[in-house]
Amino acid sequence: MNDILLNKSELKNNQGIIISGSKSETNRLLLLQALYPNLKIENASNSDDSEVMKNALQSVGKSSEINVYHAGTAMRFLTSFYAIQEGLEVVISGSNRMHERPIKILVDALNQLGSDISYLNQEGFPPIKIIGKKIQGNKVLIDANVSSQYITSLMLIGSSLPNGLEIQLQGKITSIPYIKMTLSVLQSLGIKAEFENNIIKIPHTEKLTNDTFVVESDWSSASYFYSLIALSKIDTEITLGYFKQNSLQGDAVLAEIYQNFGVQTIFTDNKIILKKIENPSIKNINLNLNNAPDIAQTIIVTCLGLGITCNLTGLHTLKIKETDRLQALKNELEKFGASVSISADSIQLINSVVFQNDPIKIETYQDHRMAMAFAPLILKQSLVIKNAEVVSKSYPDFWNDLKLLNVILKY
């Protein structure tokens, strides 16, 4: 698949879609399963990132070179995992973009603990060479204001270290819900992890007391359906499974945010019903998404479709994702006639959009979320999504699920 033409469509009402398990939860559990082989995972994600993670973990001791391609989570989690595999030598590389994404904070933290990790090209960036060691260190200081994945990577190996692990966080903490997700996953398996006063303590744990985990469906993937309902007619509904009202995922804040856009979330039997109940009365919205930056693209495109001016802040991590997402958003939103300004951690949309008859071409920049975030605009006008196969990184069934909603696709 290359490009997809999405013809302007109207949603078929009262449809149900089952979304694959959360990539974030799945990748955490896959690493823990490698440390505790009796762990059983149900409803795991079928995303490319999770497949990369699974294949890399299954290659331990069989391959000295691991390519994670675009999978940033895999790069960060595997770095810690390989560092504690005594006697193992491995090189982790990725795509060209992955080699531009920093990893120095995590490498420095692991080397503080006694690991042996070096850079093969540019200091602070992949590819990296790891010589696995038995790590005796149990205290580490790490900057918390860049990426929560560095912290989670350390948390996931903490219980397997001989002396456990104490992580001291310094600076303003980014994406706290993701740290709390990791904490909850560990605790649900019987690992007595604690997080208090910017200190995470994880004791050495020989055996899990709970060896089965059912992965909740992915709230980030649900965001695109929130956007579709927000742009739909009153009383349009979609049912999505499987979701929990007390979700571990930071992006579950969607249920609250999308009330502003006239979308009601009804929790029932591990599913959610999204219903358009009213047209939004707000003309502008200001949101700090420091705790849920992955839904920024969806929200700003929703605002574009509804004619709402918005200012989104707390987005400093978006510049080091699959692409510089702030610049990519600016480029594509301006194709619709919007006025867009960006800073190092924010994006502002001033809406002055007139939708067109001819399809607008959306560049995806090898970023799955760019493709999916713009797709709901087909309720307003036709689109061409370039390199549409990028969605497989997190949501391989996305285009097929759109078809279920009566969206007309041409490959």
Foldseek 3Di string as FASTA:
>chain_A
DWKKWWAQDAFDFDAEDEFAFAQLVQLLVLLLCLVAVLFAEARHFLFLQSVLLNVVSVCFVPDQERESAQNPLSVQLVVLSQQAPAQHKHWYHYHPLQQVFFDQQLVVQSVVQPWDKDAPDDPRGDGMIGHHRQGQRAEGETEQLADCSSVLSCQSCQQQHPAGHKYAYDDDHFQVLSVQLSVVVCVVQPFPWDADPRMITTGHDDHTPDRYDYGFGHLLLCLLVLLLQLLHDAFGKYKYAAADPPDSALSVCSQVVSVQSQWHWDDDDRMIMIGRHDGHPAQEEEEECRNPLSCVLLVVLSCQSSNHKYKYFNALNCCSHLHNVQVLSCVQSCLQVWDWDDDNTMITTRHDGDDDADAAEREQSLPLSSQSSNVSCSNVGMYMYGRNCSVSNRGNCVVVVVVSRVTDMDD
